[in-house]
PDB file of N, CA and C in Angstrom:
ATOM      1  N   MET A   1       3.892  -2.007   5.710  1.00  0.00           N
ATOM      2  CA  MET A   1       2.628  -2.064   4.656  1.00  0.00           C
ATOM      3  C   MET A   1       2.514  -3.502   4.153  1.00  0.00           C
ATOM      4  N   LYS A   2       0.939  -3.923   4.022  1.00  0.00           N
ATOM      5  CA  LYS A   2       0.710  -5.172   3.570  1.00  0.00           C
ATOM      6  C   LYS A   2      -0.264  -4.926   2.487  1.00  0.00           C
ATOM      7  N   ARG A   3      -0.326  -5.995   1.667  1.00  0.00           N
ATOM      8  CA  ARG A   3      -1.241  -5.983   0.367  1.00  0.00           C
ATOM      9  C   ARG A   3      -2.144  -7.263   0.535  1.00  0.00           C
ATOM     10  N   TYR A   4      -3.495  -7.031   0.238  1.00  0.00           N
ATOM     11  CA  TYR A   4      -4.277  -7.982   0.326  1.00  0.00           C
ATOM     12  C   TYR A   4      -5.286  -8.159  -0.780  1.00  0.00           C
ATOM     13  N   ASP A   5      -5.331  -9.307  -1.414  1.00  0.00           N
ATOM     14  CA  ASP A   5      -6.292  -9.358  -2.670  1.00  0.00           C
ATOM     15  C   ASP A   5      -7.535 -10.061  -2.087  1.00  0.00           C
ATOM     16  N   LEU A   6      -8.564  -9.248  -2.167  1.00  0.00           N
ATOM     17  CA  LEU A   6      -9.937  -9.902  -1.684  1.00  0.00           C
ATOM     18  C   LEU A   6     -10.785 -10.145  -2.690  1.00  0.00           C
ATOM     19  N   ARG A   7     -10.404 -10.051  -4.068  1.00  0.00           N
ATOM     20  CA  ARG A   7     -11.083 -10.234  -5.182  1.00  0.00           C
ATOM     21  C   ARG A   7     -11.843 -11.633  -5.310  1.00  0.00           C
ATOM     22  N   PRO A   8     -11.332 -12.651  -4.799  1.00  0.00           N
ATOM     23  CA  PRO A   8     -11.899 -13.895  -4.806  1.00  0.00           C
ATOM     24  C   PRO A   8     -13.176 -13.912  -4.094  1.00  0.00           C
ATOM     25  N   LEU A   9     -13.210 -13.004  -2.977  1.00  0.00           N
ATOM     26  CA  LEU A   9     -14.531 -12.919  -2.146  1.00  0.00           C
ATOM     27  C   LEU A   9     -15.660 -12.204  -2.698  1.00  0.00           C
ATOM     28  N   LYS A  10     -15.539 -11.605  -4.019  1.00  0.00           N
ATOM     29  CA  LYS A  10     -16.639 -10.957  -4.653  1.00  0.00           C
ATOM     30  C   LYS A  10     -17.009  -9.875  -3.773  1.00  0.00           C
ATOM     31  N   ASP A  11     -18.269  -9.823  -3.570  1.00  0.00           N
ATOM     32  CA  ASP A  11     -18.943  -8.771  -2.593  1.00  0.00           C
ATOM     33  C   ASP A  11     -19.010  -8.915  -1.107  1.00  0.00           C
ATOM     34  N   ASN A  12     -18.576 -10.049  -0.716  1.00  0.00           N
ATOM     35  CA  ASN A  12     -18.496 -10.521   0.730  1.00  0.00           C
ATOM     36  C   ASN A  12     -17.121 -10.360   1.145  1.00  0.00           C
ATOM     37  N   PHE A  13     -16.460  -9.245   0.952  1.00  0.00           N
ATOM     38  CA  PHE A  13     -14.994  -9.032   1.384  1.00  0.00           C
ATOM     39  C   PHE A  13     -14.989  -8.035   2.787  1.00  0.00           C
ATOM     40  N   TYR A  14     -16.361  -7.617   3.167  1.00  0.00           N
ATOM     41  CA  TYR A  14     -16.161  -6.680   4.289  1.00  0.00           C
ATOM     42  C   TYR A  14     -15.602  -7.250   5.544  1.00  0.00           C
ATOM     43  N   ASP A  15     -16.233  -8.305   5.990  1.00  0.00           N
ATOM     44  CA  ASP A  15     -15.958  -8.866   7.258  1.00  0.00           C
ATOM     45  C   ASP A  15     -14.397  -9.239   7.177  1.00  0.00           C
ATOM     46  N   ARG A  16     -13.848 -10.021   6.083  1.00  0.00           N
ATOM     47  CA  ARG A  16     -12.651 -10.300   6.063  1.00  0.00           C
ATOM     48  C   ARG A  16     -11.683  -9.153   6.082  1.00  0.00           C
ATOM     49  N   MET A  17     -11.977  -8.145   5.473  1.00  0.00           N
ATOM     50  CA  MET A  17     -11.260  -6.832   5.408  1.00  0.00           C
ATOM     51  C   MET A  17     -11.070  -6.337   6.800  1.00  0.00           C
ATOM     52  N   LEU A  18     -12.110  -6.123   7.431  1.00  0.00           N
ATOM     53  CA  LEU A  18     -12.008  -5.669   8.905  1.00  0.00           C
ATOM     54  C   LEU A  18     -11.277  -6.553   9.732  1.00  0.00           C
ATOM     55  N   GLU A  19     -11.467  -7.846   9.561  1.00  0.00           N
ATOM     56  CA  GLU A  19     -10.447  -8.810  10.321  1.00  0.00           C
ATOM     57  C   GLU A  19      -8.817  -8.636   9.908  1.00  0.00           C
ATOM     58  N   LEU A  20      -8.610  -8.424   8.770  1.00  0.00           N
ATOM     59  CA  LEU A  20      -7.270  -8.224   8.505  1.00  0.00           C
ATOM     60  C   LEU A  20      -6.834  -6.936   9.014  1.00  0.00           C
ATOM     61  N   VAL A  21      -7.419  -5.847   9.037  1.00  0.00           N
ATOM     62  CA  VAL A  21      -7.077  -4.732   9.775  1.00  0.00           C
ATOM     63  C   VAL A  21      -6.548  -4.730  10.782  1.00  0.00           C
ATOM     64  N   GLU A  22      -7.641  -5.457  11.752  1.00  0.00           N
ATOM     65  CA  GLU A  22      -7.711  -5.447  13.117  1.00  0.00           C
ATOM     66  C   GLU A  22      -6.624  -6.569  13.888  1.00  0.00           C
ATOM     67  N   ASN A  23      -6.333  -7.597  13.068  1.00  0.00           N
ATOM     68  CA  ASN A  23      -5.698  -8.540  13.568  1.00  0.00           C
ATOM     69  C   ASN A  23      -4.315  -8.884  12.874  1.00  0.00           C
ATOM     70  N   ASP A  24      -4.240  -8.530  11.636  1.00  0.00           N
ATOM     71  CA  ASP A  24      -3.044  -8.487  10.794  1.00  0.00           C
ATOM     72  C   ASP A  24      -2.100  -7.535  10.669  1.00  0.00           C
ATOM     73  N   LEU A  25      -2.666  -6.275  10.769  1.00  0.00           N
ATOM     74  CA  LEU A  25      -1.840  -4.932  10.730  1.00  0.00           C
ATOM     75  C   LEU A  25      -1.470  -4.543  12.226  1.00  0.00           C
ATOM     76  N   MET A  26      -0.264  -3.990  12.213  1.00  0.00           N
ATOM     77  CA  MET A  26       0.091  -3.553  13.608  1.00  0.00           C
ATOM     78  C   MET A  26      -0.388  -1.968  13.663  1.00  0.00           C
ATOM     79  N   PRO A  27      -0.542  -1.625  14.975  1.00  0.00           N
ATOM     80  CA  PRO A  27      -1.163  -0.240  15.289  1.00  0.00           C
ATOM     81  C   PRO A  27      -0.442   0.783  14.310  1.00  0.00           C
ATOM     82  N   GLU A  28      -1.222   1.422  13.485  1.00  0.00           N
ATOM     83  CA  GLU A  28      -0.741   2.613  12.580  1.00  0.00           C
ATOM     84  C   GLU A  28      -0.159   2.166  11.221  1.00  0.00           C
ATOM     85  N   GLU A  29       0.029   0.834  11.246  1.00  0.00           N
ATOM     86  CA  GLU A  29       0.424   0.195   9.888  1.00  0.00           C
ATOM     87  C   GLU A  29      -0.647   0.362   8.787  1.00  0.00           C
ATOM     88  N   VAL A  30      -0.219   0.591   7.435  1.00  0.00           N
ATOM     89  CA  VAL A  30      -1.084   0.602   6.310  1.00  0.00           C
ATOM     90  C   VAL A  30      -1.233  -0.581   5.684  1.00  0.00           C
ATOM     91  N   GLY A  31      -2.560  -0.946   5.279  1.00  0.00           N
ATOM     92  CA  GLY A  31      -2.820  -2.066   4.340  1.00  0.00           C
ATOM     93  C   GLY A  31      -3.411  -1.656   3.351  1.00  0.00           C
ATOM     94  N   ILE A  32      -3.026  -2.257   2.108  1.00  0.00           N
ATOM     95  CA  ILE A  32      -3.924  -1.996   0.824  1.00  0.00           C
ATOM     96  C   ILE A  32      -4.618  -3.146   0.470  1.00  0.00           C
ATOM     97  N   PHE A  33      -5.986  -2.756   0.161  1.00  0.00           N
ATOM     98  CA  PHE A  33      -6.905  -3.979  -0.168  1.00  0.00           C
ATOM     99  C   PHE A  33      -7.161  -3.885  -1.523  1.00  0.00           C
ATOM    100  N   LEU A  34      -7.672  -4.888  -2.282  1.00  0.00           N
ATOM    101  CA  LEU A  34      -7.864  -4.937  -3.522  1.00  0.00           C
ATOM    102  C   LEU A  34      -9.215  -5.842  -3.525  1.00  0.00           C
ATOM    103  N   PHE A  35     -10.174  -5.136  -4.411  1.00  0.00           N
ATOM    104  CA  PHE A  35     -11.470  -5.779  -4.164  1.00  0.00           C
ATOM    105  C   PHE A  35     -12.426  -5.361  -5.554  1.00  0.00           C
ATOM    106  N   GLU A  36     -13.335  -6.308  -5.882  1.00  0.00           N
ATOM    107  CA  GLU A  36     -13.912  -5.987  -7.274  1.00  0.00           C
ATOM    108  C   GLU A  36     -15.209  -5.087  -6.769  1.00  0.00           C
ATOM    109  N   ILE A  37     -15.441  -4.063  -7.714  1.00  0.00           N
ATOM    110  CA  ILE A  37     -16.221  -2.881  -7.495  1.00  0.00           C
ATOM    111  C   ILE A  37     -17.616  -3.308  -7.952  1.00  0.00           C
ATOM    112  N   GLY A  38     -18.035  -3.793  -9.071  1.00  0.00           N
ATOM    113  CA  GLY A  38     -19.356  -4.287  -9.476  1.00  0.00           C
ATOM    114  C   GLY A  38     -20.051  -2.853  -9.838  1.00  0.00           C
ATOM    115  N   ASP A  39     -20.975  -2.547  -8.829  1.00  0.00           N
ATOM    116  CA  ASP A  39     -21.794  -1.430  -9.100  1.00  0.00           C
ATOM    117  C   ASP A  39     -21.367  -0.484  -8.150  1.00  0.00           C
ATOM    118  N   PHE A  40     -20.382  -0.320  -7.880  1.00  0.00           N
ATOM    119  CA  PHE A  40     -19.724   0.973  -7.161  1.00  0.00           C
ATOM    120  C   PHE A  40     -20.169   0.934  -5.674  1.00  0.00           C
ATOM    121  N   SER A  41     -21.192   0.354  -5.299  1.00  0.00           N
ATOM    122  CA  SER A  41     -21.506   0.523  -3.778  1.00  0.00           C
ATOM    123  C   SER A  41     -20.514  -0.156  -2.820  1.00  0.00           C
ATOM    124  N   PRO A  42     -19.535  -1.285  -3.073  1.00  0.00           N
ATOM    125  CA  PRO A  42     -18.592  -1.571  -2.165  1.00  0.00           C
ATOM    126  C   PRO A  42     -17.555  -0.390  -1.860  1.00  0.00           C
ATOM    127  N   ILE A  43     -17.514   0.684  -2.713  1.00  0.00           N
ATOM    128  CA  ILE A  43     -16.659   1.638  -2.421  1.00  0.00           C
ATOM    129  C   ILE A  43     -17.012   2.286  -1.216  1.00  0.00           C
ATOM    130  N   GLN A  44     -18.150   2.905  -1.303  1.00  0.00           N
ATOM    131  CA  GLN A  44     -18.771   3.559  -0.152  1.00  0.00           C
ATOM    132  C   GLN A  44     -18.939   2.799   0.980  1.00  0.00           C
ATOM    133  N   LYS A  45     -19.383   1.388   0.730  1.00  0.00           N
ATOM    134  CA  LYS A  45     -19.590   0.663   2.204  1.00  0.00           C
ATOM    135  C   LYS A  45     -18.243   0.270   2.661  1.00  0.00           C
ATOM    136  N   SER A  46     -17.398  -0.078   1.913  1.00  0.00           N
ATOM    137  CA  SER A  46     -16.016  -0.227   2.582  1.00  0.00           C
ATOM    138  C   SER A  46     -15.441   0.907   3.283  1.00  0.00           C
ATOM    139  N   ALA A  47     -15.585   2.222   2.928  1.00  0.00           N
ATOM    140  CA  ALA A  47     -15.169   3.333   3.531  1.00  0.00           C
ATOM    141  C   ALA A  47     -15.771   3.617   4.852  1.00  0.00           C
ATOM    142  N   ASP A  48     -17.393   3.222   4.637  1.00  0.00           N
ATOM    143  CA  ASP A  48     -17.971   3.483   5.995  1.00  0.00           C
ATOM    144  C   ASP A  48     -17.651   2.586   6.948  1.00  0.00           C
ATOM    145  N   ILE A  49     -17.257   1.269   6.875  1.00  0.00           N
ATOM    146  CA  ILE A  49     -16.960   0.254   7.666  1.00  0.00           C
ATOM    147  C   ILE A  49     -15.637   0.643   8.354  1.00  0.00           C
ATOM    148  N   ILE A  50     -14.629   1.139   7.606  1.00  0.00           N
ATOM    149  CA  ILE A  50     -13.170   1.656   8.072  1.00  0.00           C
ATOM    150  C   ILE A  50     -13.444   2.662   8.908  1.00  0.00           C
ATOM    151  N   LYS A  51     -14.192   3.777   8.636  1.00  0.00           N
ATOM    152  CA  LYS A  51     -14.548   4.773   9.459  1.00  0.00           C
ATOM    153  C   LYS A  51     -15.253   4.547  10.967  1.00  0.00           C
ATOM    154  N   GLN A  52     -16.459   3.710  10.746  1.00  0.00           N
ATOM    155  CA  GLN A  52     -17.212   3.216  11.583  1.00  0.00           C
ATOM    156  C   GLN A  52     -16.232   2.277  12.751  1.00  0.00           C
ATOM    157  N   ASN A  53     -15.267   1.890  12.340  1.00  0.00           N
ATOM    158  CA  ASN A  53     -14.386   1.077  13.373  1.00  0.00           C
ATOM    159  C   ASN A  53     -13.113   1.909  13.892  1.00  0.00           C
ATOM    160  N   GLY A  54     -12.913   3.036  13.591  1.00  0.00           N
ATOM    161  CA  GLY A  54     -11.793   3.991  13.868  1.00  0.00           C
ATOM    162  C   GLY A  54     -10.760   3.930  13.128  1.00  0.00           C
ATOM    163  N   HIS A  55     -10.676   3.384  11.979  1.00  0.00           N
ATOM    164  CA  HIS A  55      -9.503   3.396  11.251  1.00  0.00           C
ATOM    165  C   HIS A  55      -9.542   4.330  10.354  1.00  0.00           C
ATOM    166  N   GLU A  56      -8.261   4.649   9.604  1.00  0.00           N
ATOM    167  CA  GLU A  56      -8.375   5.790   8.840  1.00  0.00           C
ATOM    168  C   GLU A  56      -8.355   5.498   7.020  1.00  0.00           C
ATOM    169  N   LEU A  57      -9.080   5.810   6.367  1.00  0.00           N
ATOM    170  CA  LEU A  57      -9.064   5.513   4.976  1.00  0.00           C
ATOM    171  C   LEU A  57      -8.087   6.708   4.281  1.00  0.00           C
ATOM    172  N   MET A  58      -6.965   6.023   3.944  1.00  0.00           N
ATOM    173  CA  MET A  58      -5.807   6.866   3.290  1.00  0.00           C
ATOM    174  C   MET A  58      -5.973   7.472   1.779  1.00  0.00           C
ATOM    175  N   ASN A  59      -6.665   6.499   1.085  1.00  0.00           N
ATOM    176  CA  ASN A  59      -6.570   6.663  -0.298  1.00  0.00           C
ATOM    177  C   ASN A  59      -7.571   5.426  -0.901  1.00  0.00           C
ATOM    178  N   SER A  60      -8.259   5.801  -2.003  1.00  0.00           N
ATOM    179  CA  SER A  60      -9.210   5.048  -2.647  1.00  0.00           C
ATOM    180  C   SER A  60      -8.975   5.164  -4.114  1.00  0.00           C
ATOM    181  N   LEU A  61      -8.530   4.294  -4.833  1.00  0.00           N
ATOM    182  CA  LEU A  61      -8.356   4.525  -6.336  1.00  0.00           C
ATOM    183  C   LEU A  61      -8.938   3.242  -7.138  1.00  0.00           C
ATOM    184  N   LYS A  62      -9.289   3.639  -8.373  1.00  0.00           N
ATOM    185  CA  LYS A  62      -9.879   2.604  -9.364  1.00  0.00           C
ATOM    186  C   LYS A  62      -8.711   2.011  -9.791  1.00  0.00           C
ATOM    187  N   PHE A  63      -8.358   0.551  -9.942  1.00  0.00           N
ATOM    188  CA  PHE A  63      -7.262  -0.255 -10.197  1.00  0.00           C
ATOM    189  C   PHE A  63      -7.381  -0.438 -11.658  1.00  0.00           C
ATOM    190  N   ASN A  64      -8.387  -1.041 -12.047  1.00  0.00           N
ATOM    191  CA  ASN A  64      -8.734  -1.228 -13.369  1.00  0.00           C
ATOM    192  C   ASN A  64     -10.168  -0.996 -13.503  1.00  0.00           C
ATOM    193  N   GLU A  65     -10.616  -1.727 -14.823  1.00  0.00           N
ATOM    194  CA  GLU A  65     -12.078  -1.757 -15.165  1.00  0.00           C
ATOM    195  C   GLU A  65     -13.032  -2.143 -14.050  1.00  0.00           C
ATOM    196  N   ALA A  66     -12.529  -3.193 -13.348  1.00  0.00           N
ATOM    197  CA  ALA A  66     -13.284  -4.318 -12.500  1.00  0.00           C
ATOM    198  C   ALA A  66     -12.934  -4.094 -10.985  1.00  0.00           C
ATOM    199  N   ASP A  67     -11.730  -3.513 -10.762  1.00  0.00           N
ATOM    200  CA  ASP A  67     -11.123  -3.560  -9.318  1.00  0.00           C
ATOM    201  C   ASP A  67     -10.892  -2.283  -8.954  1.00  0.00           C
ATOM    202  N   TRP A  68     -11.037  -2.298  -7.335  1.00  0.00           N
ATOM    203  CA  TRP A  68     -10.581  -1.017  -6.845  1.00  0.00           C
ATOM    204  C   TRP A  68      -9.610  -0.963  -5.587  1.00  0.00           C
ATOM    205  N   THR A  69      -9.093  -0.321  -5.212  1.00  0.00           N
ATOM    206  CA  THR A  69      -7.742  -0.277  -4.090  1.00  0.00           C
ATOM    207  C   THR A  69      -8.354   0.604  -3.013  1.00  0.00           C
ATOM    208  N   ILE A  70      -8.076   0.272  -1.790  1.00  0.00           N
ATOM    209  CA  ILE A  70      -8.161   1.316  -0.887  1.00  0.00           C
ATOM    210  C   ILE A  70      -6.885   1.005   0.007  1.00  0.00           C
ATOM    211  N   ALA A  71      -6.248   2.170   0.771  1.00  0.00           N
ATOM    212  CA  ALA A  71      -5.406   1.981   1.701  1.00  0.00           C
ATOM    213  C   ALA A  71      -5.936   2.492   2.881  1.00  0.00           C
ATOM    214  N   VAL A  72      -5.696   1.504   3.975  1.00  0.00           N
ATOM    215  CA  VAL A  72      -6.258   1.748   5.272  1.00  0.00           C
ATOM    216  C   VAL A  72      -5.078   1.781   6.284  1.00  0.00           C
ATOM    217  N   LYS A  73      -5.180   2.829   7.256  1.00  0.00           N
ATOM    218  CA  LYS A  73      -4.349   2.896   8.396  1.00  0.00           C
ATOM    219  C   LYS A  73      -4.827   2.360   9.417  1.00  0.00           C
ATOM    220  N   ARG A  74      -4.543   1.313  10.030  1.00  0.00           N
ATOM    221  CA  ARG A  74      -5.135   0.866  11.549  1.00  0.00           C
ATOM    222  C   ARG A  74      -4.896   1.832  12.411  1.00  0.00           C
ATOM    223  N   LYS A  75      -5.783   1.950  13.246  1.00  0.00           N
ATOM    224  CA  LYS A  75      -5.954   2.904  14.509  1.00  0.00           C
ATOM    225  C   LYS A  75      -4.890   2.898  15.485  1.00  0.00           C
ATOM    226  N   LYS A  76      -4.424   3.467  16.461  1.00  0.00           N
ATOM    227  CA  LYS A  76      -3.514   3.547  17.497  1.00  0.00           C
ATOM    228  C   LYS A  76      -4.183   2.402  18.406  1.00  0.00           C
ATOM    229  N   ASP A  77      -3.684   1.514  19.173  1.00  0.00           N
ATOM    230  CA  ASP A  77      -4.403   0.653  20.288  1.00  0.00           C
ATOM    231  C   ASP A  77      -4.600   1.748  21.303  1.00  0.00           C
TER     232      ASP A  77
END
């Protein structure tokens, strides 16, 4: 399991998140991603991106007033 802080990317974290899932995680390994939520739209968009690419969204939690975490399991190769 690896943890990634994508908060510095603000609302431009989607490409980086997918890159990390597909290139830094081993098949079936879980990554935890922390990002800023702003207007809450990044929550659904991040879930959609994960699903569209065949990975599994395992959890989605509010971390604090400004941040959100998601746990993603990389698909099998």
